[in-house]
Amino acid sequence: MNITELFELSLAAALANNIVLSRFLGICPTLGVAKKLPGATGMGLAVTLIMSVAAIITWSLNVLVLVPAGLTYFRLLVFVLVIAALVQAAEIAVLYFSPRLYRSLGVYLPMITTNCAILGLTLVNADANPVTGAPFTSVEAFVNGLASGAGFLLVLVLMAGIREKLETADVPKALAGTPITLISAGLMAMAFLAFAGMGASW
């Protein structure tokens, strides 16, 4: 796969096929954590890191172990165990290096284990590349994971910024809180949909 195709894959994963706004995965942490920029940024970076590492590990296990052995029916279980181990390691690292960030993320950091965005990405990598139509290679799987994580981070930061502005905005009482947040998310999803026109195969 050449650089141009990798760039197309990155744009598709981060924007046109955004894991939150297009595939509608990871909604819970998006709405729960994206209230303040520091917490949203920390969560986004943690998810990006775990997505990138999980992408290459699960791809390797799938291609080198599960498929040759005819054990693809264990794919979901194996992927969940890999993600859980990575999240546990990330939780320990965040607690050690940034206790303040650990406290601000609260319950949402261990919840990355059950974040369907990461599991969804690993299952996408087990399928065909949307740009080439061929199975993912190791490099493509890693790039897809990194770009999907970047897209997740982008949505968290944008949503946190919008919600901080909404705190001082004159929002009608009937729309205050969750309703205006969901409306904002819907408008963001419509905006990101415009990127789908950049590539016919996405």
N, C-alpha and C. Protein backbone atom coordinates (compact mmCIF):
# COMPACT_ATOMS: atom_id res chain seq x y z
N MET A 1 0.85 -1.20 0.00
CA MET A 1 0.00 0.00 0.00
C MET A 1 0.88 1.24 0.00
N ASN A 2 0.61 2.18 -0.93
CA ASN A 2 1.45 3.37 -1.02
C ASN A 2 1.02 4.45 -0.03
N ILE A 3 1.81 5.51 0.02
CA ILE A 3 1.57 6.60 0.98
C ILE A 3 0.22 7.26 0.74
N THR A 4 -0.14 7.42 -0.53
CA THR A 4 -1.43 8.06 -0.85
C THR A 4 -2.59 7.27 -0.29
N GLU A 5 -2.54 5.95 -0.44
CA GLU A 5 -3.62 5.11 0.08
C GLU A 5 -3.66 5.13 1.61
N LEU A 6 -2.49 5.17 2.24
CA LEU A 6 -2.45 5.28 3.70
C LEU A 6 -3.03 6.61 4.16
N PHE A 7 -2.76 7.68 3.41
CA PHE A 7 -3.32 8.99 3.74
C PHE A 7 -4.84 8.97 3.58
N GLU A 8 -5.33 8.34 2.52
CA GLU A 8 -6.77 8.21 2.32
C GLU A 8 -7.41 7.41 3.45
N LEU A 9 -6.73 6.33 3.86
CA LEU A 9 -7.24 5.52 4.96
C LEU A 9 -7.31 6.33 6.24
N SER A 10 -6.29 7.16 6.49
CA SER A 10 -6.26 8.00 7.68
C SER A 10 -7.41 8.99 7.69
N LEU A 11 -7.62 9.67 6.55
CA LEU A 11 -8.72 10.63 6.46
C LEU A 11 -10.07 9.94 6.63
N ALA A 12 -10.20 8.77 6.02
CA ALA A 12 -11.47 8.03 6.13
C ALA A 12 -11.75 7.65 7.58
N ALA A 13 -10.73 7.14 8.27
CA ALA A 13 -10.92 6.68 9.65
C ALA A 13 -11.17 7.84 10.61
N ALA A 14 -10.47 8.95 10.42
CA ALA A 14 -10.58 10.07 11.36
C ALA A 14 -11.79 10.95 11.10
N LEU A 15 -12.17 11.10 9.83
CA LEU A 15 -13.22 12.06 9.50
C LEU A 15 -14.47 11.41 8.91
N ALA A 16 -14.36 10.87 7.69
CA ALA A 16 -15.54 10.36 7.00
C ALA A 16 -16.19 9.20 7.73
N ASN A 17 -15.38 8.28 8.26
CA ASN A 17 -15.89 7.13 9.01
C ASN A 17 -15.58 7.27 10.49
N ASN A 18 -15.71 8.49 11.00
CA ASN A 18 -15.39 8.75 12.40
C ASN A 18 -16.08 7.74 13.31
N ILE A 19 -15.31 7.18 14.23
CA ILE A 19 -15.80 6.09 15.07
C ILE A 19 -17.01 6.50 15.91
N VAL A 20 -17.11 7.78 16.27
CA VAL A 20 -18.22 8.25 17.10
C VAL A 20 -19.36 8.79 16.24
N LEU A 21 -19.06 9.67 15.31
CA LEU A 21 -20.10 10.38 14.58
C LEU A 21 -20.62 9.64 13.36
N SER A 22 -19.87 8.66 12.87
CA SER A 22 -20.33 7.89 11.72
C SER A 22 -20.74 6.48 12.11
N ARG A 23 -19.90 5.84 12.93
CA ARG A 23 -20.20 4.47 13.35
C ARG A 23 -20.99 4.42 14.66
N PHE A 24 -21.11 5.57 15.33
CA PHE A 24 -21.88 5.70 16.58
C PHE A 24 -21.41 4.74 17.66
N LEU A 25 -20.09 4.63 17.81
CA LEU A 25 -19.49 3.83 18.85
C LEU A 25 -18.77 4.75 19.83
N GLY A 26 -18.78 4.41 21.10
CA GLY A 26 -18.13 5.23 22.11
C GLY A 26 -18.93 6.46 22.50
N ILE A 27 -20.25 6.38 22.39
CA ILE A 27 -21.10 7.52 22.73
C ILE A 27 -21.05 7.83 24.23
N CYS A 28 -21.04 6.78 25.06
CA CYS A 28 -21.08 6.98 26.52
C CYS A 28 -19.90 7.81 27.03
N PRO A 29 -18.65 7.42 26.73
CA PRO A 29 -17.55 8.28 27.22
C PRO A 29 -17.52 9.64 26.56
N THR A 30 -18.02 9.73 25.32
CA THR A 30 -18.04 11.02 24.63
C THR A 30 -18.94 12.00 25.37
N LEU A 31 -20.12 11.55 25.76
CA LEU A 31 -21.05 12.44 26.45
C LEU A 31 -20.69 12.59 27.93
N GLY A 32 -20.04 11.57 28.49
CA GLY A 32 -19.73 11.60 29.92
C GLY A 32 -18.49 12.39 30.26
N VAL A 33 -17.44 12.27 29.42
CA VAL A 33 -16.15 12.90 29.73
C VAL A 33 -16.03 14.26 29.08
N ALA A 34 -16.66 14.46 27.93
CA ALA A 34 -16.47 15.68 27.16
C ALA A 34 -17.23 16.85 27.76
N LYS A 35 -16.83 17.23 28.98
CA LYS A 35 -17.42 18.39 29.65
C LYS A 35 -16.40 19.51 29.82
N LYS A 36 -15.16 19.12 30.09
CA LYS A 36 -14.06 20.07 30.23
C LYS A 36 -12.91 19.61 29.35
N LEU A 37 -12.20 20.57 28.77
CA LEU A 37 -11.13 20.25 27.82
C LEU A 37 -10.02 19.37 28.40
N PRO A 38 -9.53 19.61 29.63
CA PRO A 38 -8.44 18.76 30.15
C PRO A 38 -8.83 17.28 30.24
N GLY A 39 -10.01 17.02 30.80
CA GLY A 39 -10.46 15.64 30.92
C GLY A 39 -10.71 14.99 29.58
N ALA A 40 -11.30 15.75 28.65
CA ALA A 40 -11.59 15.23 27.32
C ALA A 40 -10.30 14.92 26.57
N THR A 41 -9.32 15.81 26.69
CA THR A 41 -8.03 15.59 26.02
C THR A 41 -7.33 14.37 26.58
N GLY A 42 -7.31 14.24 27.92
CA GLY A 42 -6.68 13.09 28.54
C GLY A 42 -7.31 11.78 28.15
N MET A 43 -8.65 11.75 28.16
CA MET A 43 -9.35 10.54 27.75
C MET A 43 -9.09 10.23 26.29
N GLY A 44 -9.12 11.26 25.44
CA GLY A 44 -8.89 11.06 24.01
C GLY A 44 -7.51 10.51 23.72
N LEU A 45 -6.51 11.03 24.41
CA LEU A 45 -5.14 10.54 24.22
C LEU A 45 -5.00 9.10 24.70
N ALA A 46 -5.63 8.78 25.83
CA ALA A 46 -5.57 7.41 26.36
C ALA A 46 -6.23 6.43 25.40
N VAL A 47 -7.39 6.80 24.87
CA VAL A 47 -8.09 5.93 23.92
C VAL A 47 -7.29 5.79 22.63
N THR A 48 -6.68 6.88 22.17
CA THR A 48 -5.87 6.81 20.95
C THR A 48 -4.70 5.85 21.12
N LEU A 49 -4.04 5.94 22.26
CA LEU A 49 -2.92 5.04 22.53
C LEU A 49 -3.37 3.59 22.57
N ILE A 50 -4.45 3.34 23.30
CA ILE A 50 -4.95 1.96 23.42
C ILE A 50 -5.45 1.45 22.07
N MET A 51 -6.12 2.30 21.31
CA MET A 51 -6.59 1.90 19.98
C MET A 51 -5.44 1.49 19.08
N SER A 52 -4.38 2.29 19.08
CA SER A 52 -3.24 2.03 18.21
C SER A 52 -2.57 0.70 18.56
N VAL A 53 -2.33 0.49 19.86
CA VAL A 53 -1.67 -0.74 20.30
C VAL A 53 -2.59 -1.94 20.11
N ALA A 54 -3.87 -1.77 20.47
CA ALA A 54 -4.83 -2.87 20.32
C ALA A 54 -4.99 -3.26 18.86
N ALA A 55 -4.94 -2.27 17.96
CA ALA A 55 -5.12 -2.55 16.54
C ALA A 55 -4.06 -3.53 16.03
N ILE A 56 -2.80 -3.29 16.36
CA ILE A 56 -1.73 -4.13 15.83
C ILE A 56 -1.67 -5.48 16.55
N ILE A 57 -1.95 -5.50 17.87
CA ILE A 57 -1.92 -6.77 18.60
C ILE A 57 -3.05 -7.68 18.16
N THR A 58 -4.28 -7.14 18.09
CA THR A 58 -5.42 -7.97 17.70
C THR A 58 -5.32 -8.41 16.24
N TRP A 59 -4.79 -7.53 15.37
CA TRP A 59 -4.59 -7.93 13.97
C TRP A 59 -3.62 -9.09 13.89
N SER A 60 -2.53 -9.01 14.63
CA SER A 60 -1.53 -10.08 14.62
C SER A 60 -2.11 -11.39 15.13
N LEU A 61 -2.85 -11.33 16.24
CA LEU A 61 -3.45 -12.54 16.78
C LEU A 61 -4.46 -13.14 15.81
N ASN A 62 -5.22 -12.26 15.16
CA ASN A 62 -6.23 -12.74 14.22
C ASN A 62 -5.60 -13.42 13.01
N VAL A 63 -4.63 -12.74 12.40
CA VAL A 63 -4.02 -13.24 11.17
C VAL A 63 -3.08 -14.41 11.41
N LEU A 64 -2.32 -14.35 12.50
CA LEU A 64 -1.28 -15.36 12.72
C LEU A 64 -1.75 -16.56 13.55
N VAL A 65 -2.82 -16.38 14.32
CA VAL A 65 -3.25 -17.46 15.21
C VAL A 65 -4.68 -17.93 14.92
N LEU A 66 -5.64 -17.00 15.02
CA LEU A 66 -7.05 -17.40 14.95
C LEU A 66 -7.45 -17.93 13.58
N VAL A 67 -7.12 -17.18 12.52
CA VAL A 67 -7.51 -17.61 11.17
C VAL A 67 -6.83 -18.92 10.76
N PRO A 68 -5.48 -19.05 10.90
CA PRO A 68 -4.85 -20.32 10.52
C PRO A 68 -5.36 -21.53 11.31
N ALA A 69 -5.69 -21.30 12.59
CA ALA A 69 -6.16 -22.40 13.44
C ALA A 69 -7.65 -22.65 13.32
N GLY A 70 -8.35 -21.83 12.53
CA GLY A 70 -9.80 -21.98 12.39
C GLY A 70 -10.56 -21.64 13.65
N LEU A 71 -10.03 -20.70 14.42
CA LEU A 71 -10.63 -20.33 15.70
C LEU A 71 -11.21 -18.92 15.67
N THR A 72 -11.70 -18.49 14.52
CA THR A 72 -12.21 -17.11 14.41
C THR A 72 -13.43 -16.87 15.29
N TYR A 73 -14.10 -17.94 15.73
CA TYR A 73 -15.24 -17.76 16.62
C TYR A 73 -14.81 -17.30 18.02
N PHE A 74 -13.50 -17.37 18.31
CA PHE A 74 -12.97 -16.85 19.57
C PHE A 74 -12.51 -15.40 19.43
N ARG A 75 -12.69 -14.83 18.25
CA ARG A 75 -12.15 -13.50 17.97
C ARG A 75 -12.64 -12.46 18.97
N LEU A 76 -13.92 -12.43 19.24
CA LEU A 76 -14.49 -11.43 20.15
C LEU A 76 -13.89 -11.56 21.55
N LEU A 77 -13.81 -12.78 22.05
CA LEU A 77 -13.27 -13.01 23.38
C LEU A 77 -11.80 -12.59 23.46
N VAL A 78 -11.03 -12.98 22.47
CA VAL A 78 -9.60 -12.63 22.46
C VAL A 78 -9.41 -11.13 22.40
N PHE A 79 -10.17 -10.46 21.54
CA PHE A 79 -10.03 -9.01 21.40
C PHE A 79 -10.39 -8.29 22.69
N VAL A 80 -11.45 -8.73 23.36
CA VAL A 80 -11.85 -8.11 24.63
C VAL A 80 -10.77 -8.28 25.69
N LEU A 81 -10.17 -9.46 25.75
CA LEU A 81 -9.11 -9.71 26.73
C LEU A 81 -7.88 -8.84 26.46
N VAL A 82 -7.53 -8.68 25.20
CA VAL A 82 -6.40 -7.81 24.85
C VAL A 82 -6.68 -6.37 25.26
N ILE A 83 -7.87 -5.89 24.95
CA ILE A 83 -8.25 -4.51 25.29
C ILE A 83 -8.25 -4.32 26.80
N ALA A 84 -8.78 -5.30 27.54
CA ALA A 84 -8.84 -5.20 29.00
C ALA A 84 -7.43 -5.11 29.59
N ALA A 85 -6.51 -5.90 29.07
CA ALA A 85 -5.13 -5.87 29.56
C ALA A 85 -4.48 -4.52 29.27
N LEU A 86 -4.71 -3.99 28.09
CA LEU A 86 -4.13 -2.69 27.72
C LEU A 86 -4.70 -1.56 28.58
N VAL A 87 -6.00 -1.62 28.84
CA VAL A 87 -6.63 -0.59 29.66
C VAL A 87 -6.10 -0.64 31.09
N GLN A 88 -5.91 -1.84 31.61
CA GLN A 88 -5.36 -1.98 32.96
C GLN A 88 -3.97 -1.35 33.04
N ALA A 89 -3.16 -1.60 32.02
CA ALA A 89 -1.81 -1.02 31.98
C ALA A 89 -1.89 0.49 31.87
N ALA A 90 -2.80 0.99 31.04
CA ALA A 90 -2.95 2.45 30.89
C ALA A 90 -3.43 3.09 32.18
N GLU A 91 -4.34 2.43 32.88
CA GLU A 91 -4.86 2.96 34.15
C GLU A 91 -3.75 3.10 35.18
N ILE A 92 -2.90 2.08 35.28
CA ILE A 92 -1.77 2.13 36.21
C ILE A 92 -0.81 3.25 35.83
N ALA A 93 -0.55 3.42 34.53
CA ALA A 93 0.37 4.46 34.06
C ALA A 93 -0.17 5.85 34.36
N VAL A 94 -1.47 6.07 34.09
CA VAL A 94 -2.07 7.39 34.34
C VAL A 94 -2.06 7.69 35.84
N LEU A 95 -2.37 6.70 36.66
CA LEU A 95 -2.37 6.89 38.12
C LEU A 95 -0.97 7.26 38.61
N TYR A 96 0.04 6.66 38.00
CA TYR A 96 1.43 6.91 38.43
C TYR A 96 1.94 8.27 37.96
N PHE A 97 1.68 8.60 36.69
CA PHE A 97 2.24 9.82 36.11
C PHE A 97 1.37 11.06 36.30
N SER A 98 0.05 10.88 36.40
CA SER A 98 -0.84 12.04 36.53
C SER A 98 -2.05 11.71 37.40
N PRO A 99 -1.87 11.70 38.72
CA PRO A 99 -3.00 11.40 39.62
C PRO A 99 -4.17 12.36 39.43
N ARG A 100 -3.85 13.61 39.09
CA ARG A 100 -4.92 14.61 38.89
C ARG A 100 -5.80 14.22 37.71
N LEU A 101 -5.17 13.82 36.59
CA LEU A 101 -5.92 13.36 35.43
C LEU A 101 -6.70 12.09 35.77
N TYR A 102 -6.09 11.23 36.54
CA TYR A 102 -6.76 9.98 36.94
C TYR A 102 -8.05 10.29 37.70
N ARG A 103 -7.97 11.26 38.62
CA ARG A 103 -9.16 11.63 39.40
C ARG A 103 -10.21 12.31 38.52
N SER A 104 -9.77 13.14 37.55
CA SER A 104 -10.73 13.84 36.70
C SER A 104 -11.47 12.88 35.76
N LEU A 105 -10.79 11.82 35.33
CA LEU A 105 -11.43 10.84 34.45
C LEU A 105 -12.38 9.94 35.23
N GLY A 106 -12.07 9.71 36.49
CA GLY A 106 -12.95 8.93 37.35
C GLY A 106 -13.24 7.55 36.81
N VAL A 107 -14.53 7.21 36.78
CA VAL A 107 -14.95 5.88 36.37
C VAL A 107 -14.78 5.63 34.88
N TYR A 108 -14.59 6.72 34.11
CA TYR A 108 -14.54 6.56 32.65
C TYR A 108 -13.24 5.94 32.16
N LEU A 109 -12.18 6.03 32.96
CA LEU A 109 -10.92 5.41 32.54
C LEU A 109 -11.02 3.89 32.53
N PRO A 110 -11.43 3.23 33.63
CA PRO A 110 -11.61 1.78 33.55
C PRO A 110 -12.71 1.37 32.57
N MET A 111 -13.65 2.29 32.30
CA MET A 111 -14.72 1.97 31.35
C MET A 111 -14.22 1.85 29.92
N ILE A 112 -12.97 2.28 29.66
CA ILE A 112 -12.41 2.10 28.33
C ILE A 112 -12.40 0.61 27.96
N THR A 113 -12.31 -0.24 28.98
CA THR A 113 -12.33 -1.68 28.75
C THR A 113 -13.58 -2.09 27.98
N THR A 114 -14.70 -1.48 28.31
CA THR A 114 -15.96 -1.81 27.65
C THR A 114 -16.33 -0.78 26.59
N ASN A 115 -15.37 0.06 26.21
CA ASN A 115 -15.63 1.06 25.18
C ASN A 115 -15.78 0.36 23.84
N CYS A 116 -17.00 0.38 23.31
CA CYS A 116 -17.26 -0.34 22.07
C CYS A 116 -16.52 0.27 20.89
N ALA A 117 -16.02 1.50 21.02
CA ALA A 117 -15.26 2.11 19.93
C ALA A 117 -13.97 1.32 19.67
N ILE A 118 -13.29 0.91 20.73
CA ILE A 118 -12.04 0.17 20.57
C ILE A 118 -12.33 -1.22 20.04
N LEU A 119 -13.33 -1.88 20.60
CA LEU A 119 -13.68 -3.21 20.11
C LEU A 119 -14.16 -3.14 18.66
N GLY A 120 -14.94 -2.11 18.34
CA GLY A 120 -15.41 -1.94 16.96
C GLY A 120 -14.25 -1.77 15.99
N LEU A 121 -13.23 -1.00 16.41
CA LEU A 121 -12.06 -0.81 15.55
C LEU A 121 -11.35 -2.13 15.28
N THR A 122 -11.16 -2.95 16.32
CA THR A 122 -10.46 -4.22 16.13
C THR A 122 -11.24 -5.14 15.19
N LEU A 123 -12.56 -5.07 15.25
CA LEU A 123 -13.37 -5.89 14.35
C LEU A 123 -13.34 -5.35 12.92
N VAL A 124 -13.26 -4.03 12.78
CA VAL A 124 -13.11 -3.44 11.45
C VAL A 124 -11.80 -3.88 10.82
N ASN A 125 -10.74 -3.91 11.63
CA ASN A 125 -9.43 -4.33 11.12
C ASN A 125 -9.41 -5.81 10.71
N ALA A 126 -10.33 -6.59 11.24
CA ALA A 126 -10.42 -8.00 10.86
C ALA A 126 -11.18 -8.17 9.56
N ASP A 127 -11.74 -7.08 9.04
CA ASP A 127 -12.51 -7.12 7.80
C ASP A 127 -11.66 -6.55 6.67
N ALA A 128 -12.30 -6.00 5.64
CA ALA A 128 -11.58 -5.49 4.48
C ALA A 128 -11.31 -3.99 4.61
N ASN A 129 -10.19 -3.56 4.07
CA ASN A 129 -9.83 -2.15 4.02
C ASN A 129 -10.81 -1.41 3.11
N PRO A 130 -11.48 -0.34 3.60
CA PRO A 130 -12.46 0.36 2.77
C PRO A 130 -11.86 1.09 1.58
N VAL A 131 -10.57 1.36 1.61
CA VAL A 131 -9.91 2.07 0.51
C VAL A 131 -9.51 1.12 -0.60
N THR A 132 -8.90 -0.02 -0.24
CA THR A 132 -8.40 -0.95 -1.25
C THR A 132 -9.34 -2.13 -1.49
N GLY A 133 -10.20 -2.44 -0.52
CA GLY A 133 -11.08 -3.59 -0.65
C GLY A 133 -10.40 -4.91 -0.29
N ALA A 134 -9.09 -4.88 -0.02
CA ALA A 134 -8.33 -6.08 0.36
C ALA A 134 -8.26 -6.16 1.88
N PRO A 135 -7.89 -7.34 2.43
CA PRO A 135 -7.72 -7.44 3.88
C PRO A 135 -6.65 -6.46 4.38
N PHE A 136 -6.80 -6.00 5.60
CA PHE A 136 -5.83 -5.08 6.19
C PHE A 136 -4.47 -5.74 6.34
N THR A 137 -3.42 -4.97 6.07
CA THR A 137 -2.07 -5.40 6.40
C THR A 137 -1.76 -4.87 7.80
N SER A 138 -0.61 -5.25 8.35
CA SER A 138 -0.25 -4.80 9.70
C SER A 138 -0.11 -3.28 9.76
N VAL A 139 0.52 -2.69 8.73
CA VAL A 139 0.71 -1.24 8.70
C VAL A 139 -0.64 -0.54 8.58
N GLU A 140 -1.50 -1.06 7.72
CA GLU A 140 -2.83 -0.46 7.55
C GLU A 140 -3.65 -0.56 8.82
N ALA A 141 -3.55 -1.70 9.51
CA ALA A 141 -4.29 -1.87 10.77
C ALA A 141 -3.83 -0.85 11.81
N PHE A 142 -2.51 -0.65 11.90
CA PHE A 142 -1.99 0.32 12.86
C PHE A 142 -2.42 1.74 12.50
N VAL A 143 -2.30 2.09 11.21
CA VAL A 143 -2.69 3.43 10.76
C VAL A 143 -4.18 3.66 11.00
N ASN A 144 -4.98 2.64 10.74
CA ASN A 144 -6.42 2.76 10.96
C ASN A 144 -6.73 2.97 12.44
N GLY A 145 -5.99 2.26 13.31
CA GLY A 145 -6.18 2.44 14.75
C GLY A 145 -5.77 3.82 15.22
N LEU A 146 -4.62 4.27 14.74
CA LEU A 146 -4.13 5.59 15.13
C LEU A 146 -5.06 6.70 14.65
N ALA A 147 -5.50 6.60 13.39
CA ALA A 147 -6.38 7.62 12.82
C ALA A 147 -7.75 7.60 13.48
N SER A 148 -8.26 6.41 13.78
CA SER A 148 -9.56 6.31 14.47
C SER A 148 -9.48 6.92 15.86
N GLY A 149 -8.36 6.68 16.54
CA GLY A 149 -8.15 7.30 17.85
C GLY A 149 -8.06 8.80 17.75
N ALA A 150 -7.38 9.29 16.71
CA ALA A 150 -7.29 10.73 16.50
C ALA A 150 -8.67 11.33 16.24
N GLY A 151 -9.49 10.61 15.49
CA GLY A 151 -10.86 11.07 15.24
C GLY A 151 -11.68 11.11 16.52
N PHE A 152 -11.48 10.10 17.38
CA PHE A 152 -12.16 10.06 18.67
C PHE A 152 -11.72 11.24 19.53
N LEU A 153 -10.42 11.50 19.56
CA LEU A 153 -9.87 12.63 20.31
C LEU A 153 -10.44 13.95 19.79
N LEU A 154 -10.51 14.09 18.47
CA LEU A 154 -11.03 15.31 17.87
C LEU A 154 -12.47 15.57 18.30
N VAL A 155 -13.28 14.52 18.28
CA VAL A 155 -14.69 14.67 18.68
C VAL A 155 -14.80 15.05 20.15
N LEU A 156 -14.01 14.41 21.01
CA LEU A 156 -14.05 14.73 22.44
C LEU A 156 -13.68 16.19 22.69
N VAL A 157 -12.61 16.65 22.04
CA VAL A 157 -12.15 18.02 22.25
C VAL A 157 -13.20 19.02 21.72
N LEU A 158 -13.73 18.75 20.54
CA LEU A 158 -14.75 19.64 19.98
C LEU A 158 -15.99 19.68 20.86
N MET A 159 -16.42 18.51 21.32
CA MET A 159 -17.61 18.45 22.17
C MET A 159 -17.38 19.15 23.50
N ALA A 160 -16.18 18.97 24.08
CA ALA A 160 -15.88 19.65 25.35
C ALA A 160 -15.87 21.16 25.16
N GLY A 161 -15.28 21.63 24.05
CA GLY A 161 -15.27 23.06 23.76
C GLY A 161 -16.67 23.62 23.60
N ILE A 162 -17.51 22.89 22.88
CA ILE A 162 -18.89 23.34 22.68
C ILE A 162 -19.64 23.39 24.00
N ARG A 163 -19.46 22.36 24.84
CA ARG A 163 -20.20 22.32 26.10
C ARG A 163 -19.72 23.39 27.07
N GLU A 164 -18.45 23.74 27.02
CA GLU A 164 -17.97 24.83 27.86
C GLU A 164 -18.60 26.15 27.42
N LYS A 165 -18.74 26.34 26.11
CA LYS A 165 -19.39 27.56 25.62
C LYS A 165 -20.88 27.57 25.97
N LEU A 166 -21.51 26.39 25.93
CA LEU A 166 -22.95 26.32 26.22
C LEU A 166 -23.27 26.67 27.67
N GLU A 167 -22.28 26.51 28.56
CA GLU A 167 -22.51 26.83 29.97
C GLU A 167 -22.80 28.31 30.17
N THR A 168 -22.28 29.15 29.30
CA THR A 168 -22.51 30.59 29.42
C THR A 168 -23.49 31.11 28.37
N ALA A 169 -24.01 30.19 27.54
CA ALA A 169 -24.95 30.60 26.48
C ALA A 169 -26.37 30.67 27.03
N ASP A 170 -27.18 31.45 26.35
CA ASP A 170 -28.59 31.59 26.74
C ASP A 170 -29.40 30.49 26.05
N VAL A 171 -29.37 29.30 26.64
CA VAL A 171 -30.07 28.14 26.07
C VAL A 171 -31.47 28.07 26.66
N PRO A 172 -32.50 27.87 25.83
CA PRO A 172 -33.85 27.71 26.38
C PRO A 172 -33.91 26.61 27.43
N LYS A 173 -34.72 26.82 28.46
CA LYS A 173 -34.76 25.89 29.59
C LYS A 173 -35.09 24.47 29.15
N ALA A 174 -35.96 24.34 28.16
CA ALA A 174 -36.37 23.01 27.71
C ALA A 174 -35.23 22.25 27.02
N LEU A 175 -34.22 22.99 26.52
CA LEU A 175 -33.11 22.36 25.80
C LEU A 175 -31.83 22.28 26.62
N ALA A 176 -31.84 22.83 27.83
CA ALA A 176 -30.63 22.86 28.64
C ALA A 176 -30.20 21.45 29.04
N GLY A 177 -28.88 21.27 29.12
CA GLY A 177 -28.35 19.98 29.56
C GLY A 177 -28.19 18.98 28.43
N THR A 178 -28.75 17.81 28.64
CA THR A 178 -28.60 16.71 27.67
C THR A 178 -29.20 17.03 26.30
N PRO A 179 -30.39 17.64 26.20
CA PRO A 179 -30.95 17.90 24.87
C PRO A 179 -30.05 18.73 23.97
N ILE A 180 -29.49 19.82 24.47
CA ILE A 180 -28.64 20.67 23.63
C ILE A 180 -27.33 19.96 23.29
N THR A 181 -26.88 19.08 24.20
CA THR A 181 -25.67 18.29 23.93
C THR A 181 -25.90 17.33 22.78
N LEU A 182 -27.05 16.66 22.78
CA LEU A 182 -27.37 15.72 21.71
C LEU A 182 -27.60 16.44 20.38
N ILE A 183 -28.21 17.62 20.45
CA ILE A 183 -28.39 18.41 19.23
C ILE A 183 -27.04 18.82 18.66
N SER A 184 -26.13 19.23 19.53
CA SER A 184 -24.78 19.59 19.09
C SER A 184 -24.07 18.41 18.45
N ALA A 185 -24.21 17.23 19.08
CA ALA A 185 -23.58 16.02 18.52
C ALA A 185 -24.17 15.69 17.15
N GLY A 186 -25.47 15.87 17.00
CA GLY A 186 -26.10 15.61 15.71
C GLY A 186 -25.61 16.55 14.63
N LEU A 187 -25.45 17.82 14.97
CA LEU A 187 -24.93 18.80 14.00
C LEU A 187 -23.49 18.49 13.64
N MET A 188 -22.70 18.05 14.63
CA MET A 188 -21.32 17.65 14.34
C MET A 188 -21.29 16.45 13.39
N ALA A 189 -22.18 15.49 13.63
CA ALA A 189 -22.24 14.31 12.76
C ALA A 189 -22.58 14.71 11.33
N MET A 190 -23.48 15.65 11.16
CA MET A 190 -23.84 16.13 9.82
C MET A 190 -22.64 16.82 9.16
N ALA A 191 -21.89 17.59 9.95
CA ALA A 191 -20.72 18.28 9.42
C ALA A 191 -19.66 17.29 8.97
N PHE A 192 -19.42 16.26 9.78
CA PHE A 192 -18.41 15.26 9.44
C PHE A 192 -18.84 14.42 8.24
N LEU A 193 -20.14 14.30 8.03
CA LEU A 193 -20.64 13.54 6.89
C LEU A 193 -20.17 14.14 5.57
N ALA A 194 -19.91 15.44 5.57
CA ALA A 194 -19.45 16.10 4.35
C ALA A 194 -18.12 15.55 3.88
N PHE A 195 -17.30 15.03 4.80
CA PHE A 195 -16.00 14.48 4.41
C PHE A 195 -16.13 13.19 3.59
N ALA A 196 -17.30 12.54 3.68
CA ALA A 196 -17.50 11.31 2.91
C ALA A 196 -17.44 11.56 1.41
N GLY A 197 -17.70 12.79 0.98
CA GLY A 197 -17.64 13.12 -0.44
C GLY A 197 -16.23 13.22 -0.98
N MET A 198 -15.23 13.15 -0.08
CA MET A 198 -13.83 13.26 -0.53
C MET A 198 -13.33 11.99 -1.19
N GLY A 199 -13.96 10.85 -0.90
CA GLY A 199 -13.52 9.60 -1.49
C GLY A 199 -14.69 8.68 -1.74
N ALA A 200 -14.84 8.20 -2.95
CA ALA A 200 -15.98 7.40 -3.33
C ALA A 200 -15.99 6.05 -2.63
N SER A 201 -14.83 5.52 -2.28
CA SER A 201 -14.75 4.17 -1.69
C SER A 201 -14.92 4.17 -0.18
N TRP A 202 -14.97 5.36 0.47
CA TRP A 202 -15.06 5.39 1.91
C TRP A 202 -16.45 5.06 2.40
